[in-house]
PDB file of N, CA and C in Angstrom:
ATOM      1  N   MET A   1       0.838  -1.179   0.000  1.00  0.00           N
ATOM      2  CA  MET A   1       0.000   0.000   0.000  1.00  0.00           C
ATOM      3  C   MET A   1       0.886   1.246   0.000  1.00  0.00           C
ATOM      4  N   VAL A   2       0.630   2.138  -0.906  1.00  0.00           N
ATOM      5  CA  VAL A   2       1.404   3.371  -1.028  1.00  0.00           C
ATOM      6  C   VAL A   2       0.695   4.473  -0.259  1.00  0.00           C
ATOM      7  N   LYS A   3       1.468   5.191   0.542  1.00  0.00           N
ATOM      8  CA  LYS A   3       0.891   6.300   1.301  1.00  0.00           C
ATOM      9  C   LYS A   3       0.620   7.475   0.374  1.00  0.00           C
ATOM     10  N   GLU A   4      -0.436   8.211   0.698  1.00  0.00           N
ATOM     11  CA  GLU A   4      -0.815   9.383  -0.092  1.00  0.00           C
ATOM     12  C   GLU A   4       0.113  10.568   0.170  1.00  0.00           C
ATOM     13  N   THR A   5       0.590  10.703   1.395  1.00  0.00           N
ATOM     14  CA  THR A   5       1.420  11.844   1.755  1.00  0.00           C
ATOM     15  C   THR A   5       2.893  11.465   1.691  1.00  0.00           C
ATOM     16  N   ARG A   6       3.731  12.462   1.628  1.00  0.00           N
ATOM     17  CA  ARG A   6       5.171  12.215   1.617  1.00  0.00           C
ATOM     18  C   ARG A   6       5.644  11.823   3.006  1.00  0.00           C
ATOM     19  N   ARG A   7       6.565  10.890   3.031  1.00  0.00           N
ATOM     20  CA  ARG A   7       7.151  10.494   4.308  1.00  0.00           C
ATOM     21  C   ARG A   7       8.288  11.454   4.655  1.00  0.00           C
ATOM     22  N   HIS A   8       8.547  11.577   5.931  1.00  0.00           N
ATOM     23  CA  HIS A   8       9.571  12.495   6.412  1.00  0.00           C
ATOM     24  C   HIS A   8      10.623  11.752   7.221  1.00  0.00           C
ATOM     25  N   ARG A   9      11.746  12.405   7.406  1.00  0.00           N
ATOM     26  CA  ARG A   9      12.788  11.938   8.300  1.00  0.00           C
ATOM     27  C   ARG A   9      13.145  13.097   9.217  1.00  0.00           C
ATOM     28  N   TYR A  10      13.493  12.739  10.429  1.00  0.00           N
ATOM     29  CA  TYR A  10      13.933  13.713  11.421  1.00  0.00           C
ATOM     30  C   TYR A  10      15.403  13.440  11.692  1.00  0.00           C
ATOM     31  N   ILE A  11      16.217  14.476  11.599  1.00  0.00           N
ATOM     32  CA  ILE A  11      17.662  14.349  11.769  1.00  0.00           C
ATOM     33  C   ILE A  11      18.082  15.189  12.965  1.00  0.00           C
ATOM     34  N   SER A  12      18.687  14.543  13.958  1.00  0.00           N
ATOM     35  CA  SER A  12      19.207  15.303  15.098  1.00  0.00           C
ATOM     36  C   SER A  12      20.678  15.619  14.825  1.00  0.00           C
ATOM     37  N   PHE A  13      21.110  16.779  15.287  1.00  0.00           N
ATOM     38  CA  PHE A  13      22.485  17.209  15.047  1.00  0.00           C
ATOM     39  C   PHE A  13      23.007  18.002  16.235  1.00  0.00           C
ATOM     40  N   HIS A  14      24.332  18.103  16.297  1.00  0.00           N
ATOM     41  CA  HIS A  14      25.003  18.846  17.362  1.00  0.00           C
ATOM     42  C   HIS A  14      25.974  19.834  16.720  1.00  0.00           C
ATOM     43  N   VAL A  15      26.000  21.056  17.245  1.00  0.00           N
ATOM     44  CA  VAL A  15      26.885  22.106  16.738  1.00  0.00           C
ATOM     45  C   VAL A  15      27.995  22.336  17.748  1.00  0.00           C
ATOM     46  N   THR A  16      29.237  22.305  17.266  1.00  0.00           N
ATOM     47  CA  THR A  16      30.397  22.608  18.099  1.00  0.00           C
ATOM     48  C   THR A  16      31.014  23.896  17.568  1.00  0.00           C
ATOM     49  N   TYR A  17      31.087  24.896  18.421  1.00  0.00           N
ATOM     50  CA  TYR A  17      31.642  26.190  18.016  1.00  0.00           C
ATOM     51  C   TYR A  17      33.136  26.206  18.276  1.00  0.00           C
ATOM     52  N   LYS A  18      33.875  26.815  17.358  1.00  0.00           N
ATOM     53  CA  LYS A  18      35.322  26.910  17.488  1.00  0.00           C
ATOM     54  C   LYS A  18      35.677  28.150  18.302  1.00  0.00           C
ATOM     55  N   LYS A  19      36.686  28.011  19.099  1.00  0.00           N
ATOM     56  CA  LYS A  19      37.186  29.086  19.957  1.00  0.00           C
ATOM     57  C   LYS A  19      36.084  29.571  20.889  1.00  0.00           C
ATOM     58  N   ASP A  20      35.948  30.870  21.049  1.00  0.00           N
ATOM     59  CA  ASP A  20      34.947  31.438  21.956  1.00  0.00           C
ATOM     60  C   ASP A  20      33.809  32.093  21.183  1.00  0.00           C
ATOM     61  N   ALA A  21      33.378  31.454  20.121  1.00  0.00           N
ATOM     62  CA  ALA A  21      32.298  32.016  19.307  1.00  0.00           C
ATOM     63  C   ALA A  21      30.983  31.978  20.082  1.00  0.00           C
ATOM     64  N   ALA A  22      30.186  33.014  19.885  1.00  0.00           N
ATOM     65  CA  ALA A  22      28.868  33.067  20.522  1.00  0.00           C
ATOM     66  C   ALA A  22      27.956  32.019  19.890  1.00  0.00           C
ATOM     67  N   VAL A  23      26.961  31.598  20.627  1.00  0.00           N
ATOM     68  CA  VAL A  23      26.023  30.579  20.163  1.00  0.00           C
ATOM     69  C   VAL A  23      25.080  31.171  19.123  1.00  0.00           C
ATOM     70  N   GLY A  24      24.838  30.427  18.033  1.00  0.00           N
ATOM     71  CA  GLY A  24      23.926  30.869  16.982  1.00  0.00           C
ATOM     72  C   GLY A  24      22.477  30.680  17.385  1.00  0.00           C
ATOM     73  N   THR A  25      21.595  31.417  16.735  1.00  0.00           N
ATOM     74  CA  THR A  25      20.165  31.318  17.025  1.00  0.00           C
ATOM     75  C   THR A  25      19.464  30.514  15.930  1.00  0.00           C
ATOM     76  N   GLN A  26      18.214  30.151  16.190  1.00  0.00           N
ATOM     77  CA  GLN A  26      17.444  29.385  15.218  1.00  0.00           C
ATOM     78  C   GLN A  26      17.240  30.184  13.935  1.00  0.00           C
ATOM     79  N   SER A  27      16.965  31.474  14.047  1.00  0.00           N
ATOM     80  CA  SER A  27      16.758  32.294  12.845  1.00  0.00           C
ATOM     81  C   SER A  27      18.042  32.404  12.019  1.00  0.00           C
ATOM     82  N   GLU A  28      19.199  32.454  12.672  1.00  0.00           N
ATOM     83  CA  GLU A  28      20.471  32.485  11.946  1.00  0.00           C
ATOM     84  C   GLU A  28      20.704  31.166  11.209  1.00  0.00           C
ATOM     85  N   LEU A  29      20.361  30.048  11.852  1.00  0.00           N
ATOM     86  CA  LEU A  29      20.502  28.738  11.214  1.00  0.00           C
ATOM     87  C   LEU A  29      19.599  28.637   9.984  1.00  0.00           C
ATOM     88  N   ILE A  30      18.362  29.074  10.118  1.00  0.00           N
ATOM     89  CA  ILE A  30      17.420  29.035   8.993  1.00  0.00           C
ATOM     90  C   ILE A  30      17.959  29.858   7.827  1.00  0.00           C
ATOM     91  N   GLN A  31      18.483  31.028   8.112  1.00  0.00           N
ATOM     92  CA  GLN A  31      19.010  31.905   7.065  1.00  0.00           C
ATOM     93  C   GLN A  31      20.171  31.251   6.323  1.00  0.00           C
ATOM     94  N   ILE A  32      21.116  30.662   7.048  1.00  0.00           N
ATOM     95  CA  ILE A  32      22.273  30.044   6.385  1.00  0.00           C
ATOM     96  C   ILE A  32      21.864  28.793   5.612  1.00  0.00           C
ATOM     97  N   LEU A  33      20.869  28.048   6.109  1.00  0.00           N
ATOM     98  CA  LEU A  33      20.372  26.881   5.369  1.00  0.00           C
ATOM     99  C   LEU A  33      19.748  27.311   4.045  1.00  0.00           C
ATOM    100  N   ARG A  34      18.990  28.391   4.067  1.00  0.00           N
ATOM    101  CA  ARG A  34      18.380  28.907   2.832  1.00  0.00           C
ATOM    102  C   ARG A  34      19.440  29.351   1.831  1.00  0.00           C
ATOM    103  N   GLU A  35      20.472  30.022   2.334  1.00  0.00           N
ATOM    104  CA  GLU A  35      21.521  30.535   1.460  1.00  0.00           C
ATOM    105  C   GLU A  35      22.340  29.413   0.825  1.00  0.00           C
ATOM    106  N   ARG A  36      22.661  28.384   1.590  1.00  0.00           N
ATOM    107  CA  ARG A  36      23.556  27.328   1.118  1.00  0.00           C
ATOM    108  C   ARG A  36      22.852  26.167   0.429  1.00  0.00           C
ATOM    109  N   CYS A  37      21.559  26.060   0.598  1.00  0.00           N
ATOM    110  CA  CYS A  37      20.807  24.904   0.112  1.00  0.00           C
ATOM    111  C   CYS A  37      20.970  24.696  -1.390  1.00  0.00           C
ATOM    112  N   TYR A  38      20.765  25.725  -2.170  1.00  0.00           N
ATOM    113  CA  TYR A  38      20.836  25.574  -3.621  1.00  0.00           C
ATOM    114  C   TYR A  38      22.268  25.337  -4.085  1.00  0.00           C
ATOM    115  N   VAL A  39      23.228  25.937  -3.402  1.00  0.00           N
ATOM    116  CA  VAL A  39      24.635  25.766  -3.772  1.00  0.00           C
ATOM    117  C   VAL A  39      25.066  24.313  -3.584  1.00  0.00           C
ATOM    118  N   VAL A  40      24.683  23.706  -2.478  1.00  0.00           N
ATOM    119  CA  VAL A  40      25.123  22.349  -2.144  1.00  0.00           C
ATOM    120  C   VAL A  40      24.272  21.282  -2.828  1.00  0.00           C
ATOM    121  N   CYS A  41      22.954  21.453  -2.822  1.00  0.00           N
ATOM    122  CA  CYS A  41      22.041  20.390  -3.278  1.00  0.00           C
ATOM    123  C   CYS A  41      21.373  20.658  -4.619  1.00  0.00           C
ATOM    124  N   SER A  42      21.535  21.834  -5.176  1.00  0.00           N
ATOM    125  CA  SER A  42      20.849  22.243  -6.410  1.00  0.00           C
ATOM    126  C   SER A  42      19.330  22.182  -6.271  1.00  0.00           C
ATOM    127  N   LYS A  43      18.850  22.348  -5.054  1.00  0.00           N
ATOM    128  CA  LYS A  43      17.416  22.389  -4.761  1.00  0.00           C
ATOM    129  C   LYS A  43      17.197  23.453  -3.702  1.00  0.00           C
ATOM    130  N   ASN A  44      15.960  23.962  -3.612  1.00  0.00           N
ATOM    131  CA  ASN A  44      15.677  24.907  -2.542  1.00  0.00           C
ATOM    132  C   ASN A  44      15.133  24.155  -1.326  1.00  0.00           C
ATOM    133  N   THR A  45      14.935  24.862  -0.236  1.00  0.00           N
ATOM    134  CA  THR A  45      14.500  24.206   1.002  1.00  0.00           C
ATOM    135  C   THR A  45      13.123  23.579   0.862  1.00  0.00           C
ATOM    136  N   ARG A  46      12.282  24.153   0.040  1.00  0.00           N
ATOM    137  CA  ARG A  46      10.938  23.592  -0.152  1.00  0.00           C
ATOM    138  C   ARG A  46      11.003  22.239  -0.864  1.00  0.00           C
ATOM    139  N   GLU A  47      11.877  22.128  -1.852  1.00  0.00           N
ATOM    140  CA  GLU A  47      12.027  20.858  -2.574  1.00  0.00           C
ATOM    141  C   GLU A  47      12.592  19.758  -1.680  1.00  0.00           C
ATOM    142  N   LEU A  48      13.374  20.134  -0.685  1.00  0.00           N
ATOM    143  CA  LEU A  48      13.913  19.165   0.270  1.00  0.00           C
ATOM    144  C   LEU A  48      12.923  18.862   1.389  1.00  0.00           C
ATOM    145  N   GLY A  49      11.892  19.697   1.509  1.00  0.00           N
ATOM    146  CA  GLY A  49      10.959  19.554   2.625  1.00  0.00           C
ATOM    147  C   GLY A  49      11.635  19.915   3.937  1.00  0.00           C
ATOM    148  N   LEU A  50      12.612  20.803   3.869  1.00  0.00           N
ATOM    149  CA  LEU A  50      13.454  21.134   5.019  1.00  0.00           C
ATOM    150  C   LEU A  50      12.730  22.056   5.986  1.00  0.00           C
ATOM    151  N   TRP A  51      12.751  21.688   7.260  1.00  0.00           N
ATOM    152  CA  TRP A  51      12.089  22.449   8.305  1.00  0.00           C
ATOM    153  C   TRP A  51      12.907  22.319   9.581  1.00  0.00           C
ATOM    154  N   VAL A  52      13.194  23.433  10.235  1.00  0.00           N
ATOM    155  CA  VAL A  52      13.898  23.392  11.516  1.00  0.00           C
ATOM    156  C   VAL A  52      12.851  23.184  12.599  1.00  0.00           C
ATOM    157  N   VAL A  53      12.845  21.999  13.183  1.00  0.00           N
ATOM    158  CA  VAL A  53      11.876  21.668  14.229  1.00  0.00           C
ATOM    159  C   VAL A  53      12.282  22.347  15.526  1.00  0.00           C
ATOM    160  N   SER A  54      13.554  22.223  15.871  1.00  0.00           N
ATOM    161  CA  SER A  54      14.054  22.881  17.081  1.00  0.00           C
ATOM    162  C   SER A  54      15.552  23.109  16.945  1.00  0.00           C
ATOM    163  N   PHE A  55      16.031  24.157  17.610  1.00  0.00           N
ATOM    164  CA  PHE A  55      17.459  24.448  17.668  1.00  0.00           C
ATOM    165  C   PHE A  55      17.692  25.353  18.859  1.00  0.00           C
ATOM    166  N   ASP A  56      18.512  24.895  19.798  1.00  0.00           N
ATOM    167  CA  ASP A  56      18.762  25.673  21.008  1.00  0.00           C
ATOM    168  C   ASP A  56      20.135  26.339  21.016  1.00  0.00           C
ATOM    169  N   GLY A  57      20.827  26.288  19.895  1.00  0.00           N
ATOM    170  CA  GLY A  57      22.149  26.888  19.816  1.00  0.00           C
ATOM    171  C   GLY A  57      23.246  25.847  19.717  1.00  0.00           C
ATOM    172  N   THR A  58      23.023  24.671  20.307  1.00  0.00           N
ATOM    173  CA  THR A  58      24.021  23.606  20.233  1.00  0.00           C
ATOM    174  C   THR A  58      23.463  22.298  19.680  1.00  0.00           C
ATOM    175  N   THR A  59      22.207  21.993  19.940  1.00  0.00           N
ATOM    176  CA  THR A  59      21.592  20.782  19.394  1.00  0.00           C
ATOM    177  C   THR A  59      20.280  21.153  18.720  1.00  0.00           C
ATOM    178  N   GLY A  60      19.911  20.347  17.734  1.00  0.00           N
ATOM    179  CA  GLY A  60      18.677  20.646  17.030  1.00  0.00           C
ATOM    180  C   GLY A  60      18.138  19.448  16.283  1.00  0.00           C
ATOM    181  N   ILE A  61      16.945  19.641  15.718  1.00  0.00           N
ATOM    182  CA  ILE A  61      16.279  18.611  14.927  1.00  0.00           C
ATOM    183  C   ILE A  61      15.774  19.259  13.644  1.00  0.00           C
ATOM    184  N   LEU A  62      16.092  18.629  12.515  1.00  0.00           N
ATOM    185  CA  LEU A  62      15.591  19.056  11.214  1.00  0.00           C
ATOM    186  C   LEU A  62      14.622  18.013  10.687  1.00  0.00           C
ATOM    187  N   LYS A  63      13.630  18.468   9.931  1.00  0.00           N
ATOM    188  CA  LYS A  63      12.672  17.581   9.281  1.00  0.00           C
ATOM    189  C   LYS A  63      12.871  17.730   7.776  1.00  0.00           C
ATOM    190  N   CYS A  64      12.846  16.602   7.051  1.00  0.00           N
ATOM    191  CA  CYS A  64      12.991  16.648   5.597  1.00  0.00           C
ATOM    192  C   CYS A  64      12.250  15.474   4.973  1.00  0.00           C
ATOM    193  N   TYR A  65      12.098  15.498   3.648  1.00  0.00           N
ATOM    194  CA  TYR A  65      11.506  14.360   2.950  1.00  0.00           C
ATOM    195  C   TYR A  65      12.467  13.176   3.033  1.00  0.00           C
ATOM    196  N   HIS A  66      11.911  11.972   3.130  1.00  0.00           N
ATOM    197  CA  HIS A  66      12.761  10.799   3.344  1.00  0.00           C
ATOM    198  C   HIS A  66      13.732  10.557   2.187  1.00  0.00           C
ATOM    199  N   GLN A  67      13.368  10.937   0.986  1.00  0.00           N
ATOM    200  CA  GLN A  67      14.262  10.736  -0.152  1.00  0.00           C
ATOM    201  C   GLN A  67      15.380  11.774  -0.196  1.00  0.00           C
ATOM    202  N   GLU A  68      15.273  12.822   0.587  1.00  0.00           N
ATOM    203  CA  GLU A  68      16.266  13.898   0.590  1.00  0.00           C
ATOM    204  C   GLU A  68      17.180  13.860   1.812  1.00  0.00           C
ATOM    205  N   LYS A  69      17.106  12.813   2.593  1.00  0.00           N
ATOM    206  CA  LYS A  69      17.892  12.711   3.828  1.00  0.00           C
ATOM    207  C   LYS A  69      19.391  12.872   3.560  1.00  0.00           C
ATOM    208  N   ASP A  70      19.897  12.212   2.536  1.00  0.00           N
ATOM    209  CA  ASP A  70      21.325  12.296   2.227  1.00  0.00           C
ATOM    210  C   ASP A  70      21.727  13.709   1.811  1.00  0.00           C
ATOM    211  N   ASN A  71      20.880  14.386   1.039  1.00  0.00           N
ATOM    212  CA  ASN A  71      21.167  15.768   0.646  1.00  0.00           C
ATOM    213  C   ASN A  71      21.191  16.697   1.858  1.00  0.00           C
ATOM    214  N   VAL A  72      20.256  16.504   2.781  1.00  0.00           N
ATOM    215  CA  VAL A  72      20.201  17.359   3.971  1.00  0.00           C
ATOM    216  C   VAL A  72      21.417  17.102   4.859  1.00  0.00           C
ATOM    217  N   THR A  73      21.823  15.851   4.990  1.00  0.00           N
ATOM    218  CA  THR A  73      23.021  15.528   5.770  1.00  0.00           C
ATOM    219  C   THR A  73      24.248  16.184   5.140  1.00  0.00           C
ATOM    220  N   LYS A  74      24.346  16.118   3.822  1.00  0.00           N
ATOM    221  CA  LYS A  74      25.460  16.757   3.107  1.00  0.00           C
ATOM    222  C   LYS A  74      25.428  18.273   3.316  1.00  0.00           C
ATOM    223  N   LEU A  75      24.236  18.854   3.280  1.00  0.00           N
ATOM    224  CA  LEU A  75      24.075  20.291   3.509  1.00  0.00           C
ATOM    225  C   LEU A  75      24.545  20.674   4.910  1.00  0.00           C
ATOM    226  N   LEU A  76      24.117  19.919   5.908  1.00  0.00           N
ATOM    227  CA  LEU A  76      24.526  20.207   7.286  1.00  0.00           C
ATOM    228  C   LEU A  76      26.041  20.148   7.441  1.00  0.00           C
ATOM    229  N   GLN A  77      26.651  19.127   6.879  1.00  0.00           N
ATOM    230  CA  GLN A  77      28.094  18.957   7.028  1.00  0.00           C
ATOM    231  C   GLN A  77      28.891  19.991   6.245  1.00  0.00           C
ATOM    232  N   SER A  78      28.255  20.649   5.269  1.00  0.00           N
ATOM    233  CA  SER A  78      28.949  21.682   4.502  1.00  0.00           C
ATOM    234  C   SER A  78      28.981  23.027   5.227  1.00  0.00           C
ATOM    235  N   LEU A  79      28.135  23.187   6.226  1.00  0.00           N
ATOM    236  CA  LEU A  79      28.088  24.461   6.946  1.00  0.00           C
ATOM    237  C   LEU A  79      29.313  24.596   7.840  1.00  0.00           C
ATOM    238  N   ASP A  80      29.961  25.738   7.768  1.00  0.00           N
ATOM    239  CA  ASP A  80      31.130  25.969   8.610  1.00  0.00           C
ATOM    240  C   ASP A  80      31.014  27.247   9.430  1.00  0.00           C
ATOM    241  N   LYS A  81      29.964  28.029   9.184  1.00  0.00           N
ATOM    242  CA  LYS A  81      29.749  29.271   9.938  1.00  0.00           C
ATOM    243  C   LYS A  81      28.261  29.538  10.064  1.00  0.00           C
ATOM    244  N   ILE A  82      27.875  30.109  11.191  1.00  0.00           N
ATOM    245  CA  ILE A  82      26.542  30.677  11.357  1.00  0.00           C
ATOM    246  C   ILE A  82      26.773  32.133  11.722  1.00  0.00           C
ATOM    247  N   GLU A  83      26.436  33.033  10.802  1.00  0.00           N
ATOM    248  CA  GLU A  83      26.632  34.477  11.024  1.00  0.00           C
ATOM    249  C   GLU A  83      28.055  34.791  11.508  1.00  0.00           C
ATOM    250  N   LYS A  84      29.048  34.339  10.757  1.00  0.00           N
ATOM    251  CA  LYS A  84      30.468  34.592  11.027  1.00  0.00           C
ATOM    252  C   LYS A  84      30.979  33.911  12.288  1.00  0.00           C
ATOM    253  N   LYS A  85      30.224  32.969  12.830  1.00  0.00           N
ATOM    254  CA  LYS A  85      30.660  32.210  14.005  1.00  0.00           C
ATOM    255  C   LYS A  85      31.151  30.850  13.516  1.00  0.00           C
ATOM    256  N   PRO A  86      32.469  30.603  13.546  1.00  0.00           N
ATOM    257  CA  PRO A  86      32.981  29.333  13.037  1.00  0.00           C
ATOM    258  C   PRO A  86      32.495  28.154  13.880  1.00  0.00           C
ATOM    259  N   MET A  87      32.084  27.075  13.192  1.00  0.00           N
ATOM    260  CA  MET A  87      31.550  25.916  13.902  1.00  0.00           C
ATOM    261  C   MET A  87      31.581  24.694  13.009  1.00  0.00           C
ATOM    262  N   THR A  88      31.336  23.526  13.612  1.00  0.00           N
ATOM    263  CA  THR A  88      31.174  22.280  12.870  1.00  0.00           C
ATOM    264  C   THR A  88      29.875  21.625  13.319  1.00  0.00           C
ATOM    265  N   ILE A  89      29.216  20.940  12.381  1.00  0.00           N
ATOM    266  CA  ILE A  89      27.959  20.261  12.689  1.00  0.00           C
ATOM    267  C   ILE A  89      28.163  18.763  12.533  1.00  0.00           C
ATOM    268  N   THR A  90      27.712  18.021  13.531  1.00  0.00           N
ATOM    269  CA  THR A  90      27.765  16.569  13.507  1.00  0.00           C
ATOM    270  C   THR A  90      26.343  16.035  13.562  1.00  0.00           C
ATOM    271  N   THR A  91      25.972  15.190  12.599  1.00  0.00           N
ATOM    272  CA  THR A  91      24.648  14.573  12.656  1.00  0.00           C
ATOM    273  C   THR A  91      24.716  13.410  13.637  1.00  0.00           C
ATOM    274  N   LEU A  92      23.684  13.301  14.468  1.00  0.00           N
ATOM    275  CA  LEU A  92      23.675  12.282  15.510  1.00  0.00           C
ATOM    276  C   LEU A  92      22.828  11.078  15.137  1.00  0.00           C
ATOM    277  N   ARG A  93      21.560  11.301  14.849  1.00  0.00           N
ATOM    278  CA  ARG A  93      20.624  10.211  14.576  1.00  0.00           C
ATOM    279  C   ARG A  93      19.619  10.646  13.512  1.00  0.00           C
ATOM    280  N   THR A  94      19.012   9.648  12.878  1.00  0.00           N
ATOM    281  CA  THR A  94      17.925   9.875  11.925  1.00  0.00           C
ATOM    282  C   THR A  94      16.800   8.922  12.262  1.00  0.00           C
ATOM    283  N   SER A  95      15.562   9.418  12.183  1.00  0.00           N
ATOM    284  CA  SER A  95      14.410   8.580  12.485  1.00  0.00           C
ATOM    285  C   SER A  95      13.217   9.033  11.656  1.00  0.00           C
ATOM    286  N   GLY A  96      12.217   8.170  11.567  1.00  0.00           N
ATOM    287  CA  GLY A  96      10.995   8.504  10.851  1.00  0.00           C
ATOM    288  C   GLY A  96      10.015   9.297  11.685  1.00  0.00           C
ATOM    289  N   THR A  97      10.210   9.312  13.012  1.00  0.00           N
ATOM    290  CA  THR A  97       9.335  10.069  13.910  1.00  0.00           C
ATOM    291  C   THR A  97      10.177  10.777  14.961  1.00  0.00           C
ATOM    292  N   ILE A  98       9.635  11.844  15.509  1.00  0.00           N
ATOM    293  CA  ILE A  98      10.339  12.540  16.590  1.00  0.00           C
ATOM    294  C   ILE A  98      10.402  11.641  17.817  1.00  0.00           C
ATOM    295  N   GLN A  99       9.331  10.911  18.077  1.00  0.00           N
ATOM    296  CA  GLN A  99       9.306  10.001  19.219  1.00  0.00           C
ATOM    297  C   GLN A  99      10.400   8.938  19.075  1.00  0.00           C
ATOM    298  N   GLY A 100      10.561   8.404  17.886  1.00  0.00           N
ATOM    299  CA  GLY A 100      11.615   7.421  17.644  1.00  0.00           C
ATOM    300  C   GLY A 100      12.992   8.016  17.832  1.00  0.00           C
ATOM    301  N   LEU A 101      13.153   9.269  17.461  1.00  0.00           N
ATOM    302  CA  LEU A 101      14.422   9.958  17.637  1.00  0.00           C
ATOM    303  C   LEU A 101      14.739  10.105  19.117  1.00  0.00           C
ATOM    304  N   ALA A 102      13.735  10.453  19.912  1.00  0.00           N
ATOM    305  CA  ALA A 102      13.923  10.589  21.358  1.00  0.00           C
ATOM    306  C   ALA A 102      14.278   9.241  21.975  1.00  0.00           C
ATOM    307  N   GLN A 103      13.657   8.166  21.501  1.00  0.00           N
ATOM    308  CA  GLN A 103      13.951   6.840  22.037  1.00  0.00           C
ATOM    309  C   GLN A 103      15.356   6.401  21.668  1.00  0.00           C
ATOM    310  N   LYS A 104      15.831   6.763  20.502  1.00  0.00           N
ATOM    311  CA  LYS A 104      17.181   6.388  20.091  1.00  0.00           C
ATOM    312  C   LYS A 104      18.232   7.099  20.928  1.00  0.00           C
ATOM    313  N   LYS A 105      17.905   8.287  21.416  1.00  0.00           N
ATOM    314  CA  LYS A 105      18.854   9.032  22.240  1.00  0.00           C
ATOM    315  C   LYS A 105      19.020   8.410  23.618  1.00  0.00           C
ATOM    316  N   LEU A 106      17.953   7.785  24.121  1.00  0.00           N
ATOM    317  CA  LEU A 106      17.991   7.226  25.463  1.00  0.00           C
ATOM    318  C   LEU A 106      18.775   5.921  25.484  1.00  0.00           C
ATOM    319  N   PRO A 107      19.599   5.724  26.501  1.00  0.00           N
ATOM    320  CA  PRO A 107      20.318   4.454  26.597  1.00  0.00           C
ATOM    321  C   PRO A 107      19.352   3.325  26.943  1.00  0.00           C
ATOM    322  N   ARG A 108      19.643   2.160  26.465  1.00  0.00           N
ATOM    323  CA  ARG A 108      18.793   1.001  26.743  1.00  0.00           C
ATOM    324  C   ARG A 108      19.033   0.530  28.175  1.00  0.00           C
ATOM    325  N   THR A 109      17.925   0.252  28.888  1.00  0.00           N
ATOM    326  CA  THR A 109      18.042  -0.169  30.285  1.00  0.00           C
ATOM    327  C   THR A 109      17.821  -1.665  30.447  1.00  0.00           C
ATOM    328  N   ARG A 110      17.454  -2.362  29.386  1.00  0.00           N
ATOM    329  CA  ARG A 110      17.181  -3.801  29.477  1.00  0.00           C
ATOM    330  C   ARG A 110      18.399  -4.633  29.264  1.00  0.00           C
TER     331      ARG A 110
END
Protein backbone atom coordinates (compact mmCIF):
# COMPACT_ATOMS: atom_id res chain seq x y z
CA MET A 1 0.00 0.00 0.00
CA VAL A 2 1.40 3.37 -1.03
CA LYS A 3 0.89 6.30 1.30
CA GLU A 4 -0.81 9.38 -0.09
CA THR A 5 1.42 11.84 1.75
CA ARG A 6 5.17 12.21 1.62
CA ARG A 7 7.15 10.49 4.31
CA HIS A 8 9.57 12.49 6.41
CA ARG A 9 12.79 11.94 8.30
CA TYR A 10 13.93 13.71 11.42
CA ILE A 11 17.66 14.35 11.77
CA SER A 12 19.21 15.30 15.10
CA PHE A 13 22.49 17.21 15.05
CA HIS A 14 25.00 18.85 17.36
CA VAL A 15 26.89 22.11 16.74
CA THR A 16 30.40 22.61 18.10
CA TYR A 17 31.64 26.19 18.02
CA LYS A 18 35.32 26.91 17.49
CA LYS A 19 37.19 29.09 19.96
CA ASP A 20 34.95 31.44 21.96
CA ALA A 21 32.30 32.02 19.31
CA ALA A 22 28.87 33.07 20.52
CA VAL A 23 26.02 30.58 20.16
CA GLY A 24 23.93 30.87 16.98
CA THR A 25 20.17 31.32 17.02
CA GLN A 26 17.44 29.39 15.22
CA SER A 27 16.76 32.29 12.84
CA GLU A 28 20.47 32.49 11.95
CA LEU A 29 20.50 28.74 11.21
CA ILE A 30 17.42 29.03 8.99
CA GLN A 31 19.01 31.90 7.07
CA ILE A 32 22.27 30.04 6.38
CA LEU A 33 20.37 26.88 5.37
CA ARG A 34 18.38 28.91 2.83
CA GLU A 35 21.52 30.53 1.46
CA ARG A 36 23.56 27.33 1.12
CA CYS A 37 20.81 24.90 0.11
CA TYR A 38 20.84 25.57 -3.62
CA VAL A 39 24.63 25.77 -3.77
CA VAL A 40 25.12 22.35 -2.14
CA CYS A 41 22.04 20.39 -3.28
CA SER A 42 20.85 22.24 -6.41
CA LYS A 43 17.42 22.39 -4.76
CA ASN A 44 15.68 24.91 -2.54
CA THR A 45 14.50 24.21 1.00
CA ARG A 46 10.94 23.59 -0.15
CA GLU A 47 12.03 20.86 -2.57
CA LEU A 48 13.91 19.16 0.27
CA GLY A 49 10.96 19.55 2.63
CA LEU A 50 13.45 21.13 5.02
CA TRP A 51 12.09 22.45 8.30
CA VAL A 52 13.90 23.39 11.52
CA VAL A 53 11.88 21.67 14.23
CA SER A 54 14.05 22.88 17.08
CA PHE A 55 17.46 24.45 17.67
CA ASP A 56 18.76 25.67 21.01
CA GLY A 57 22.15 26.89 19.82
CA THR A 58 24.02 23.61 20.23
CA THR A 59 21.59 20.78 19.39
CA GLY A 60 18.68 20.65 17.03
CA ILE A 61 16.28 18.61 14.93
CA LEU A 62 15.59 19.06 11.21
CA LYS A 63 12.67 17.58 9.28
CA CYS A 64 12.99 16.65 5.60
CA TYR A 65 11.51 14.36 2.95
CA HIS A 66 12.76 10.80 3.34
CA GLN A 67 14.26 10.74 -0.15
CA GLU A 68 16.27 13.90 0.59
CA LYS A 69 17.89 12.71 3.83
CA ASP A 70 21.32 12.30 2.23
CA ASN A 71 21.17 15.77 0.65
CA VAL A 72 20.20 17.36 3.97
CA THR A 73 23.02 15.53 5.77
CA LYS A 74 25.46 16.76 3.11
CA LEU A 75 24.07 20.29 3.51
CA LEU A 76 24.53 20.21 7.29
CA GLN A 77 28.09 18.96 7.03
CA SER A 78 28.95 21.68 4.50
CA LEU A 79 28.09 24.46 6.95
CA ASP A 80 31.13 25.97 8.61
CA LYS A 81 29.75 29.27 9.94
CA ILE A 82 26.54 30.68 11.36
CA GLU A 83 26.63 34.48 11.02
CA LYS A 84 30.47 34.59 11.03
CA LYS A 85 30.66 32.21 14.00
CA PRO A 86 32.98 29.33 13.04
CA MET A 87 31.55 25.92 13.90
CA THR A 88 31.17 22.28 12.87
CA ILE A 89 27.96 20.26 12.69
CA THR A 90 27.77 16.57 13.51
CA THR A 91 24.65 14.57 12.66
CA LEU A 92 23.68 12.28 15.51
CA ARG A 93 20.62 10.21 14.58
CA THR A 94 17.92 9.88 11.92
CA SER A 95 14.41 8.58 12.49
CA GLY A 96 11.00 8.50 10.85
CA THR A 97 9.33 10.07 13.91
CA ILE A 98 10.34 12.54 16.59
CA GLN A 99 9.31 10.00 19.22
CA GLY A 100 11.61 7.42 17.64
CA LEU A 101 14.42 9.96 17.64
CA ALA A 102 13.92 10.59 21.36
CA GLN A 103 13.95 6.84 22.04
CA LYS A 104 17.18 6.39 20.09
CA LYS A 105 18.85 9.03 22.24
CA LEU A 106 17.99 7.23 25.46
CA PRO A 107 20.32 4.45 26.60
CA ARG A 108 18.79 1.00 26.74
CA THR A 109 18.04 -0.17 30.28
CA ARG A 110 17.18 -3.80 29.48
